[in-house]
N, C-alpha and C. Protein backbone atom coordinates (compact mmCIF):
# COMPACT_ATOMS: atom_id res chain seq x y z
N MET A 1 -12.48 -29.23 -1.47
CA MET A 1 -13.05 -27.98 -1.93
C MET A 1 -12.56 -27.62 -3.32
N SER A 2 -11.48 -28.20 -3.77
CA SER A 2 -10.92 -27.85 -5.06
C SER A 2 -11.93 -28.08 -6.16
N GLY A 3 -12.12 -27.05 -7.00
CA GLY A 3 -13.02 -27.15 -8.13
C GLY A 3 -14.47 -26.88 -7.78
N GLN A 4 -14.82 -26.77 -6.51
CA GLN A 4 -16.19 -26.49 -6.10
C GLN A 4 -16.42 -24.98 -6.14
N PRO A 5 -17.54 -24.52 -6.71
CA PRO A 5 -17.81 -23.08 -6.72
C PRO A 5 -18.12 -22.57 -5.31
N THR A 6 -17.64 -21.37 -5.03
CA THR A 6 -17.91 -20.71 -3.78
C THR A 6 -18.79 -19.51 -4.07
N PHE A 7 -19.87 -19.33 -3.33
CA PHE A 7 -20.79 -18.23 -3.59
C PHE A 7 -20.59 -17.14 -2.55
N LEU A 8 -20.52 -15.91 -3.02
CA LEU A 8 -20.40 -14.74 -2.17
C LEU A 8 -21.73 -14.03 -2.23
N ARG A 9 -22.43 -13.92 -1.12
CA ARG A 9 -23.73 -13.27 -1.11
C ARG A 9 -23.54 -11.79 -0.77
N LEU A 10 -24.04 -10.94 -1.64
CA LEU A 10 -24.01 -9.51 -1.43
C LEU A 10 -25.44 -9.04 -1.23
N PRO A 11 -25.67 -7.85 -0.70
CA PRO A 11 -27.03 -7.36 -0.55
C PRO A 11 -27.78 -7.40 -1.88
N ALA A 12 -29.09 -7.30 -1.81
CA ALA A 12 -29.94 -7.42 -2.99
C ALA A 12 -29.56 -6.43 -4.08
N LEU A 13 -28.98 -5.31 -3.70
CA LEU A 13 -28.58 -4.30 -4.67
C LEU A 13 -27.49 -4.83 -5.60
N PHE A 14 -26.67 -5.73 -5.12
CA PHE A 14 -25.58 -6.28 -5.90
C PHE A 14 -25.96 -7.66 -6.42
N THR A 15 -25.15 -8.19 -7.29
CA THR A 15 -25.36 -9.55 -7.77
C THR A 15 -24.26 -10.43 -7.24
N CYS A 16 -24.42 -11.72 -7.39
CA CYS A 16 -23.44 -12.67 -6.85
C CYS A 16 -22.28 -12.87 -7.82
N LEU A 17 -21.11 -13.06 -7.25
CA LEU A 17 -19.94 -13.46 -8.02
C LEU A 17 -19.76 -14.94 -7.78
N VAL A 18 -19.55 -15.68 -8.83
CA VAL A 18 -19.28 -17.10 -8.67
C VAL A 18 -17.79 -17.28 -8.90
N ILE A 19 -17.11 -17.72 -7.86
CA ILE A 19 -15.66 -17.85 -7.94
C ILE A 19 -15.30 -19.31 -7.73
N SER A 20 -14.59 -19.87 -8.67
CA SER A 20 -14.09 -21.23 -8.54
C SER A 20 -12.64 -21.12 -8.12
N CYS A 21 -12.31 -21.69 -6.96
CA CYS A 21 -10.96 -21.49 -6.46
C CYS A 21 -10.42 -22.76 -5.84
N SER A 22 -9.11 -22.77 -5.70
CA SER A 22 -8.46 -23.85 -4.97
C SER A 22 -7.55 -23.20 -3.95
N ALA A 23 -7.50 -23.75 -2.76
CA ALA A 23 -6.66 -23.25 -1.66
C ALA A 23 -6.95 -21.79 -1.33
N PHE A 24 -8.20 -21.36 -1.47
CA PHE A 24 -8.65 -20.02 -1.11
C PHE A 24 -7.93 -18.91 -1.85
N SER A 25 -7.40 -19.17 -3.02
CA SER A 25 -6.74 -18.12 -3.80
C SER A 25 -7.33 -18.11 -5.21
N PRO A 26 -8.42 -17.35 -5.42
CA PRO A 26 -9.04 -17.31 -6.73
C PRO A 26 -8.13 -16.66 -7.76
N SER A 27 -8.16 -17.14 -8.96
CA SER A 27 -7.42 -16.49 -10.04
C SER A 27 -8.42 -15.75 -10.90
N LEU A 28 -7.95 -14.75 -11.59
CA LEU A 28 -8.85 -13.96 -12.41
C LEU A 28 -9.42 -14.76 -13.56
N THR A 29 -8.71 -15.78 -14.01
CA THR A 29 -9.21 -16.56 -15.12
C THR A 29 -10.37 -17.45 -14.73
N SER A 30 -10.55 -17.71 -13.42
CA SER A 30 -11.65 -18.57 -12.99
C SER A 30 -12.81 -17.77 -12.40
N THR A 31 -12.84 -16.47 -12.64
CA THR A 31 -13.88 -15.61 -12.09
C THR A 31 -14.93 -15.32 -13.16
N THR A 32 -16.18 -15.50 -12.81
CA THR A 32 -17.28 -15.21 -13.70
C THR A 32 -18.14 -14.13 -13.07
N ILE A 33 -18.52 -13.14 -13.84
CA ILE A 33 -19.34 -12.05 -13.33
C ILE A 33 -20.68 -12.09 -14.05
N TYR A 34 -21.76 -12.05 -13.27
CA TYR A 34 -23.09 -12.02 -13.83
C TYR A 34 -23.69 -10.64 -13.64
N LYS A 35 -24.43 -10.17 -14.65
CA LYS A 35 -25.09 -8.87 -14.60
C LYS A 35 -24.10 -7.78 -14.19
N LYS A 36 -23.09 -7.58 -14.97
CA LYS A 36 -22.01 -6.64 -14.67
C LYS A 36 -22.53 -5.24 -14.35
N ALA A 37 -23.55 -4.79 -15.03
CA ALA A 37 -24.05 -3.44 -14.84
C ALA A 37 -24.62 -3.23 -13.44
N ALA A 38 -25.04 -4.29 -12.76
CA ALA A 38 -25.63 -4.15 -11.44
C ALA A 38 -24.59 -4.06 -10.34
N ILE A 39 -23.31 -4.29 -10.65
CA ILE A 39 -22.26 -4.25 -9.64
C ILE A 39 -21.56 -2.90 -9.72
N PRO A 40 -21.42 -2.19 -8.60
CA PRO A 40 -20.70 -0.92 -8.63
C PRO A 40 -19.28 -1.11 -9.16
N SER A 41 -18.72 -0.07 -9.75
CA SER A 41 -17.42 -0.17 -10.41
C SER A 41 -16.32 -0.64 -9.48
N TYR A 42 -16.38 -0.30 -8.18
CA TYR A 42 -15.30 -0.71 -7.27
C TYR A 42 -15.36 -2.18 -6.92
N PHE A 43 -16.42 -2.92 -7.31
CA PHE A 43 -16.50 -4.35 -7.09
C PHE A 43 -16.21 -5.14 -8.37
N ARG A 44 -16.16 -4.48 -9.53
CA ARG A 44 -16.01 -5.18 -10.79
C ARG A 44 -14.60 -5.74 -10.97
N LEU A 45 -14.52 -6.85 -11.68
CA LEU A 45 -13.24 -7.44 -12.03
C LEU A 45 -13.10 -7.39 -13.54
N ASN A 46 -11.91 -7.13 -13.99
CA ASN A 46 -11.60 -7.12 -15.41
C ASN A 46 -10.61 -8.25 -15.65
N ALA A 47 -10.93 -9.15 -16.55
CA ALA A 47 -10.10 -10.33 -16.77
C ALA A 47 -8.68 -9.98 -17.19
N GLU A 48 -8.48 -8.87 -17.90
CA GLU A 48 -7.13 -8.50 -18.34
C GLU A 48 -6.34 -7.76 -17.27
N SER A 49 -6.96 -6.81 -16.59
CA SER A 49 -6.19 -5.95 -15.70
C SER A 49 -6.43 -6.18 -14.22
N GLY A 50 -7.34 -7.04 -13.85
CA GLY A 50 -7.57 -7.32 -12.44
C GLY A 50 -8.68 -6.46 -11.86
N PRO A 51 -8.75 -6.38 -10.53
CA PRO A 51 -9.84 -5.64 -9.89
C PRO A 51 -9.78 -4.16 -10.22
N VAL A 52 -10.94 -3.56 -10.37
CA VAL A 52 -11.05 -2.13 -10.57
C VAL A 52 -11.28 -1.53 -9.19
N VAL A 53 -10.35 -0.71 -8.72
CA VAL A 53 -10.42 -0.15 -7.38
C VAL A 53 -10.48 1.37 -7.49
N ALA A 54 -11.40 1.97 -6.76
CA ALA A 54 -11.51 3.42 -6.76
C ALA A 54 -10.25 4.03 -6.15
N GLU A 55 -9.72 5.07 -6.77
CA GLU A 55 -8.51 5.71 -6.27
C GLU A 55 -8.84 6.53 -5.03
N LYS A 56 -8.00 6.40 -4.02
CA LYS A 56 -8.20 7.12 -2.77
C LYS A 56 -7.56 8.50 -2.86
N ALA A 57 -8.19 9.47 -2.24
CA ALA A 57 -7.61 10.81 -2.16
C ALA A 57 -6.44 10.81 -1.18
N ALA A 58 -6.47 9.90 -0.21
CA ALA A 58 -5.39 9.75 0.78
C ALA A 58 -4.88 8.32 0.71
N PRO A 59 -3.94 8.05 -0.21
CA PRO A 59 -3.46 6.67 -0.37
C PRO A 59 -2.55 6.22 0.78
N VAL A 60 -2.50 4.91 0.98
CA VAL A 60 -1.57 4.32 1.94
C VAL A 60 -0.23 4.19 1.23
N ILE A 61 0.84 4.67 1.86
CA ILE A 61 2.16 4.60 1.26
C ILE A 61 3.12 3.90 2.21
N SER A 62 4.22 3.42 1.66
CA SER A 62 5.25 2.77 2.46
C SER A 62 6.19 3.83 3.04
N GLY A 63 7.00 3.41 3.99
CA GLY A 63 8.00 4.30 4.55
C GLY A 63 8.99 4.79 3.51
N GLU A 64 9.37 3.90 2.59
CA GLU A 64 10.30 4.26 1.52
C GLU A 64 9.69 5.31 0.59
N ALA A 65 8.41 5.12 0.25
CA ALA A 65 7.73 6.08 -0.63
C ALA A 65 7.61 7.44 0.06
N LEU A 66 7.36 7.43 1.37
CA LEU A 66 7.27 8.69 2.11
C LEU A 66 8.62 9.40 2.13
N GLU A 67 9.69 8.64 2.30
CA GLU A 67 11.02 9.25 2.30
C GLU A 67 11.32 9.91 0.95
N LEU A 68 10.97 9.25 -0.14
CA LEU A 68 11.16 9.84 -1.47
C LEU A 68 10.28 11.08 -1.64
N MET A 69 9.06 11.01 -1.13
CA MET A 69 8.14 12.14 -1.23
C MET A 69 8.69 13.35 -0.47
N LEU A 70 9.32 13.12 0.67
CA LEU A 70 9.87 14.22 1.46
C LEU A 70 11.09 14.83 0.80
N MET A 71 11.81 14.07 -0.01
CA MET A 71 12.97 14.61 -0.72
C MET A 71 12.55 15.51 -1.88
N ASP A 72 11.44 15.16 -2.51
CA ASP A 72 10.93 15.93 -3.65
C ASP A 72 9.61 16.57 -3.23
N PHE A 73 9.72 17.54 -2.34
CA PHE A 73 8.55 18.14 -1.71
C PHE A 73 7.99 19.23 -2.60
N ASP A 74 6.72 19.10 -2.99
CA ASP A 74 6.14 20.09 -3.90
C ASP A 74 4.91 20.81 -3.35
N GLU A 75 4.20 20.22 -2.39
CA GLU A 75 3.03 20.86 -1.80
C GLU A 75 2.90 20.43 -0.35
N PRO A 76 2.12 21.18 0.45
CA PRO A 76 1.95 20.80 1.86
C PRO A 76 1.49 19.35 1.98
N LEU A 77 1.88 18.72 3.08
CA LEU A 77 1.62 17.30 3.26
C LEU A 77 1.05 17.03 4.64
N VAL A 78 0.00 16.19 4.69
CA VAL A 78 -0.56 15.74 5.96
C VAL A 78 -0.44 14.22 5.97
N ILE A 79 0.20 13.70 7.01
CA ILE A 79 0.41 12.26 7.16
C ILE A 79 -0.47 11.76 8.29
N ASP A 80 -1.22 10.69 8.02
CA ASP A 80 -2.00 10.01 9.05
C ASP A 80 -1.25 8.71 9.38
N ALA A 81 -0.61 8.68 10.54
CA ALA A 81 0.06 7.46 11.01
C ALA A 81 -0.98 6.65 11.76
N TYR A 82 -1.24 5.43 11.28
CA TYR A 82 -2.34 4.63 11.80
C TYR A 82 -1.94 3.17 11.87
N ALA A 83 -2.84 2.35 12.43
CA ALA A 83 -2.71 0.90 12.41
C ALA A 83 -4.10 0.31 12.21
N ASP A 84 -4.17 -0.83 11.55
CA ASP A 84 -5.46 -1.46 11.28
C ASP A 84 -6.20 -1.87 12.54
N TRP A 85 -5.48 -2.22 13.60
CA TRP A 85 -6.09 -2.69 14.84
C TRP A 85 -6.56 -1.55 15.74
N CYS A 86 -6.25 -0.32 15.38
CA CYS A 86 -6.54 0.86 16.20
C CYS A 86 -7.96 1.37 15.95
N GLY A 87 -8.82 1.28 16.97
CA GLY A 87 -10.21 1.73 16.84
C GLY A 87 -10.35 3.20 16.47
N PRO A 88 -9.69 4.13 17.20
CA PRO A 88 -9.79 5.55 16.83
C PRO A 88 -9.26 5.83 15.41
N CYS A 89 -8.26 5.06 14.98
CA CYS A 89 -7.74 5.22 13.61
C CYS A 89 -8.83 4.88 12.59
N GLN A 90 -9.55 3.81 12.85
CA GLN A 90 -10.61 3.38 11.95
C GLN A 90 -11.76 4.38 11.95
N MET A 91 -12.05 4.98 13.10
CA MET A 91 -13.11 5.99 13.18
C MET A 91 -12.72 7.25 12.41
N MET A 92 -11.44 7.62 12.43
CA MET A 92 -11.01 8.84 11.77
C MET A 92 -10.76 8.66 10.27
N ALA A 93 -10.57 7.44 9.81
CA ALA A 93 -10.22 7.18 8.41
C ALA A 93 -11.16 7.85 7.41
N PRO A 94 -12.50 7.74 7.54
CA PRO A 94 -13.37 8.40 6.56
C PRO A 94 -13.30 9.92 6.67
N GLU A 95 -13.06 10.45 7.86
CA GLU A 95 -12.93 11.90 8.04
C GLU A 95 -11.68 12.40 7.31
N PHE A 96 -10.59 11.65 7.45
CA PHE A 96 -9.33 12.00 6.79
C PHE A 96 -9.48 11.95 5.27
N GLU A 97 -10.15 10.92 4.78
CA GLU A 97 -10.39 10.78 3.34
C GLU A 97 -11.24 11.93 2.80
N ASP A 98 -12.28 12.32 3.55
CA ASP A 98 -13.14 13.43 3.13
C ASP A 98 -12.37 14.75 3.11
N ALA A 99 -11.51 14.97 4.10
CA ALA A 99 -10.68 16.18 4.12
C ALA A 99 -9.73 16.18 2.92
N ALA A 100 -9.17 15.02 2.60
CA ALA A 100 -8.27 14.90 1.44
C ALA A 100 -9.01 15.24 0.15
N LYS A 101 -10.23 14.78 0.03
CA LYS A 101 -11.02 15.10 -1.18
C LYS A 101 -11.30 16.59 -1.27
N GLU A 102 -11.63 17.21 -0.14
CA GLU A 102 -11.95 18.63 -0.14
C GLU A 102 -10.74 19.50 -0.51
N LEU A 103 -9.55 19.10 -0.07
CA LEU A 103 -8.35 19.91 -0.31
C LEU A 103 -7.47 19.36 -1.43
N LYS A 104 -8.03 18.47 -2.25
CA LYS A 104 -7.27 17.87 -3.34
C LYS A 104 -6.73 18.96 -4.27
N GLY A 105 -5.46 18.83 -4.60
CA GLY A 105 -4.82 19.82 -5.47
C GLY A 105 -4.14 20.94 -4.70
N LYS A 106 -4.49 21.12 -3.42
CA LYS A 106 -3.87 22.15 -2.58
C LYS A 106 -2.94 21.53 -1.55
N VAL A 107 -3.37 20.40 -0.96
CA VAL A 107 -2.62 19.72 0.10
C VAL A 107 -2.61 18.24 -0.23
N ARG A 108 -1.47 17.61 -0.05
CA ARG A 108 -1.36 16.16 -0.29
C ARG A 108 -1.60 15.43 1.04
N PHE A 109 -2.44 14.41 0.99
CA PHE A 109 -2.76 13.59 2.15
C PHE A 109 -2.29 12.17 1.89
N VAL A 110 -1.60 11.58 2.87
CA VAL A 110 -1.17 10.18 2.76
C VAL A 110 -1.36 9.50 4.10
N LYS A 111 -1.43 8.17 4.05
CA LYS A 111 -1.58 7.35 5.25
C LYS A 111 -0.36 6.44 5.35
N LEU A 112 0.16 6.32 6.57
CA LEU A 112 1.32 5.48 6.83
C LEU A 112 0.92 4.42 7.85
N ASP A 113 0.92 3.16 7.44
CA ASP A 113 0.60 2.05 8.34
C ASP A 113 1.84 1.80 9.21
N THR A 114 1.73 2.10 10.49
CA THR A 114 2.88 2.00 11.39
C THR A 114 3.34 0.56 11.60
N ASP A 115 2.44 -0.41 11.42
CA ASP A 115 2.83 -1.81 11.54
C ASP A 115 3.66 -2.28 10.34
N LEU A 116 3.39 -1.71 9.17
CA LEU A 116 4.13 -2.10 7.96
C LEU A 116 5.41 -1.28 7.77
N SER A 117 5.49 -0.12 8.42
CA SER A 117 6.67 0.75 8.29
C SER A 117 7.18 1.17 9.67
N PRO A 118 7.64 0.21 10.48
CA PRO A 118 8.07 0.57 11.84
C PRO A 118 9.30 1.48 11.88
N GLU A 119 10.22 1.35 10.93
CA GLU A 119 11.41 2.21 10.93
C GLU A 119 11.02 3.66 10.71
N MET A 120 10.14 3.91 9.72
CA MET A 120 9.72 5.28 9.45
C MET A 120 8.91 5.83 10.61
N SER A 121 8.10 4.98 11.23
CA SER A 121 7.31 5.40 12.40
C SER A 121 8.23 5.84 13.53
N ASP A 122 9.32 5.10 13.75
CA ASP A 122 10.29 5.48 14.78
C ASP A 122 10.98 6.79 14.42
N ARG A 123 11.35 6.96 13.16
CA ARG A 123 12.02 8.19 12.73
C ARG A 123 11.12 9.40 12.88
N LEU A 124 9.81 9.20 12.69
CA LEU A 124 8.85 10.30 12.82
C LEU A 124 8.41 10.51 14.28
N GLY A 125 8.86 9.62 15.17
CA GLY A 125 8.51 9.76 16.58
C GLY A 125 7.05 9.47 16.88
N ILE A 126 6.48 8.51 16.18
CA ILE A 126 5.08 8.15 16.38
C ILE A 126 4.97 7.33 17.67
N ASN A 127 4.29 7.88 18.67
CA ASN A 127 4.13 7.20 19.96
C ASN A 127 2.69 6.82 20.25
N GLY A 128 1.74 7.55 19.68
CA GLY A 128 0.32 7.29 19.89
C GLY A 128 -0.39 7.24 18.55
N LEU A 129 -1.52 6.57 18.52
CA LEU A 129 -2.27 6.43 17.27
C LEU A 129 -3.70 6.89 17.46
N PRO A 130 -4.27 7.50 16.45
CA PRO A 130 -3.63 8.00 15.25
C PRO A 130 -2.81 9.26 15.54
N THR A 131 -1.83 9.52 14.72
CA THR A 131 -1.04 10.76 14.78
C THR A 131 -1.10 11.43 13.43
N LEU A 132 -1.46 12.70 13.43
CA LEU A 132 -1.45 13.50 12.21
C LEU A 132 -0.24 14.43 12.25
N LEU A 133 0.50 14.44 11.14
CA LEU A 133 1.66 15.33 10.99
C LEU A 133 1.37 16.30 9.87
N PHE A 134 1.46 17.59 10.15
CA PHE A 134 1.24 18.64 9.16
C PHE A 134 2.62 19.17 8.77
N LEU A 135 3.03 18.90 7.53
CA LEU A 135 4.36 19.27 7.05
C LEU A 135 4.27 20.26 5.91
N ASP A 136 5.20 21.20 5.90
CA ASP A 136 5.25 22.19 4.82
C ASP A 136 6.70 22.36 4.38
N LYS A 137 6.87 22.98 3.24
CA LYS A 137 8.20 23.22 2.70
C LYS A 137 8.92 24.26 3.57
N PHE A 138 10.16 23.98 3.87
CA PHE A 138 10.97 24.90 4.67
C PHE A 138 11.47 26.01 3.77
N VAL A 139 11.16 27.24 4.15
CA VAL A 139 11.63 28.41 3.40
C VAL A 139 12.56 29.18 4.32
N PRO A 140 13.88 29.15 4.03
CA PRO A 140 14.83 29.84 4.91
C PRO A 140 14.65 31.35 4.83
N GLU A 141 14.89 32.02 5.96
CA GLU A 141 14.81 33.47 5.98
C GLU A 141 16.11 34.04 5.43
N GLY A 142 16.01 35.16 4.77
CA GLY A 142 17.21 35.80 4.25
C GLY A 142 17.65 35.18 2.94
N ASN A 143 18.89 35.44 2.58
CA ASN A 143 19.43 35.01 1.29
C ASN A 143 20.40 33.86 1.52
N THR A 144 19.89 32.67 1.86
CA THR A 144 20.75 31.51 2.11
C THR A 144 20.58 30.50 0.99
N ASP A 145 21.51 29.56 0.93
CA ASP A 145 21.46 28.51 -0.08
C ASP A 145 20.33 27.54 0.22
N ASP A 146 19.43 27.30 -0.73
CA ASP A 146 18.27 26.42 -0.53
C ASP A 146 18.65 24.96 -0.37
N ASP A 147 19.83 24.55 -0.80
CA ASP A 147 20.21 23.15 -0.77
C ASP A 147 20.76 22.71 0.58
N GLN A 148 20.94 23.63 1.52
CA GLN A 148 21.50 23.27 2.81
C GLN A 148 20.39 23.05 3.83
N GLY A 149 20.61 22.10 4.73
CA GLY A 149 19.69 21.90 5.84
C GLY A 149 18.39 21.22 5.44
N ALA A 150 17.40 21.35 6.32
CA ALA A 150 16.11 20.69 6.14
C ALA A 150 15.32 21.33 5.00
N SER A 151 14.54 20.50 4.31
CA SER A 151 13.67 21.02 3.25
C SER A 151 12.21 20.97 3.66
N VAL A 152 11.92 20.32 4.79
CA VAL A 152 10.55 20.16 5.28
C VAL A 152 10.50 20.59 6.74
N VAL A 153 9.42 21.25 7.11
CA VAL A 153 9.24 21.67 8.50
C VAL A 153 7.92 21.11 9.02
N LEU A 154 7.96 20.61 10.25
CA LEU A 154 6.76 20.11 10.92
C LEU A 154 6.01 21.30 11.50
N LYS A 155 4.80 21.54 11.01
CA LYS A 155 3.98 22.64 11.50
C LYS A 155 3.23 22.25 12.76
N GLU A 156 2.71 21.01 12.80
CA GLU A 156 1.99 20.55 13.99
C GLU A 156 1.88 19.04 13.99
N ARG A 157 1.79 18.50 15.21
CA ARG A 157 1.59 17.06 15.43
C ARG A 157 0.35 16.95 16.32
N ILE A 158 -0.62 16.15 15.87
CA ILE A 158 -1.84 15.91 16.64
C ILE A 158 -1.93 14.42 16.91
N GLU A 159 -2.04 14.04 18.18
CA GLU A 159 -2.26 12.64 18.54
C GLU A 159 -3.70 12.48 18.97
N GLY A 160 -4.41 11.55 18.35
CA GLY A 160 -5.81 11.32 18.64
C GLY A 160 -6.67 11.62 17.42
N ALA A 161 -7.85 11.04 17.40
CA ALA A 161 -8.75 11.20 16.26
C ALA A 161 -9.44 12.56 16.30
N ILE A 162 -9.51 13.20 15.14
CA ILE A 162 -10.25 14.45 15.00
C ILE A 162 -11.13 14.36 13.76
N GLN A 163 -12.10 15.27 13.68
CA GLN A 163 -13.05 15.25 12.59
C GLN A 163 -12.54 16.02 11.38
N LYS A 164 -13.22 15.82 10.26
CA LYS A 164 -12.86 16.45 8.99
C LYS A 164 -12.73 17.96 9.12
N LYS A 165 -13.70 18.61 9.77
CA LYS A 165 -13.67 20.06 9.88
C LYS A 165 -12.39 20.53 10.56
N SER A 166 -11.98 19.84 11.61
CA SER A 166 -10.74 20.22 12.31
C SER A 166 -9.52 20.00 11.43
N ILE A 167 -9.50 18.92 10.67
CA ILE A 167 -8.37 18.66 9.76
C ILE A 167 -8.28 19.77 8.72
N VAL A 168 -9.41 20.11 8.11
CA VAL A 168 -9.44 21.16 7.08
C VAL A 168 -9.05 22.50 7.70
N ASP A 169 -9.58 22.82 8.89
CA ASP A 169 -9.25 24.09 9.55
C ASP A 169 -7.76 24.18 9.89
N LEU A 170 -7.17 23.07 10.34
CA LEU A 170 -5.73 23.08 10.63
C LEU A 170 -4.91 23.27 9.36
N CYS A 171 -5.34 22.67 8.26
CA CYS A 171 -4.65 22.88 6.98
C CYS A 171 -4.75 24.34 6.55
N GLU A 172 -5.94 24.92 6.67
CA GLU A 172 -6.12 26.33 6.32
C GLU A 172 -5.21 27.21 7.17
N HIS A 173 -5.09 26.90 8.45
CA HIS A 173 -4.26 27.68 9.36
C HIS A 173 -2.77 27.54 9.02
N HIS A 174 -2.30 26.31 8.88
CA HIS A 174 -0.86 26.10 8.70
C HIS A 174 -0.37 26.40 7.30
N PHE A 175 -1.18 26.16 6.29
CA PHE A 175 -0.70 26.25 4.91
C PHE A 175 -1.20 27.47 4.15
N PHE A 176 -2.30 28.08 4.61
CA PHE A 176 -2.90 29.18 3.85
C PHE A 176 -3.21 30.39 4.72
N ASP A 177 -2.50 30.54 5.83
CA ASP A 177 -2.61 31.70 6.72
C ASP A 177 -4.01 31.95 7.26
N GLY A 178 -4.77 30.89 7.47
CA GLY A 178 -6.09 31.01 8.07
C GLY A 178 -6.00 31.13 9.58
N GLU A 179 -7.13 31.37 10.20
CA GLU A 179 -7.19 31.47 11.66
C GLU A 179 -6.97 30.10 12.29
N ARG A 180 -6.33 30.10 13.44
CA ARG A 180 -6.16 28.85 14.19
C ARG A 180 -7.51 28.45 14.77
N PRO A 181 -7.92 27.18 14.57
CA PRO A 181 -9.20 26.76 15.14
C PRO A 181 -9.15 26.81 16.67
N GLU A 182 -10.25 27.30 17.25
CA GLU A 182 -10.31 27.42 18.71
C GLU A 182 -10.40 26.06 19.38
N GLN A 183 -11.17 25.17 18.76
CA GLN A 183 -11.36 23.83 19.32
C GLN A 183 -11.17 22.81 18.24
N LEU A 184 -10.57 21.68 18.62
CA LEU A 184 -10.46 20.56 17.71
C LEU A 184 -11.51 19.53 18.10
N MET A 185 -12.25 19.09 17.11
CA MET A 185 -13.29 18.09 17.39
C MET A 185 -12.93 16.79 16.71
């Protein structure tokens, strides 16, 4: 197969990429793009910088990145603990992304792959998938030193897939003093 072109067929709306590869690992220098304007930006390759990927409103982060994020807490946070093999996780993923887009700038949304970060999953007590964790900054009552104790408080834990409306309603309730949703869908 070495040196033989491999053709990737995309729907008629897209054009074909001709990739010459060896051992199933194409390099950017051996990639040719035809009719670049007909390919959506998230499929385009740039020879200097690599694939152009649309930025997610709810990025996947590592356990280490989450730990750093929790130390420097600046806005409410919703964590989606998921796994690639989990059917309900896959069903909820677009709902979670849409909720993240709607609340961008007000609430931070992240995804934690429990298979890639088992230590953090254990520390967070993830037992079922998907699990949503709604976290906010801990504000101590009275006149106490802010540097002591916890800096983050768990507002709610939801196990199971829910829709965008329920995610947004729970954020409104926990972070912006909105009404508690009567039903989660």
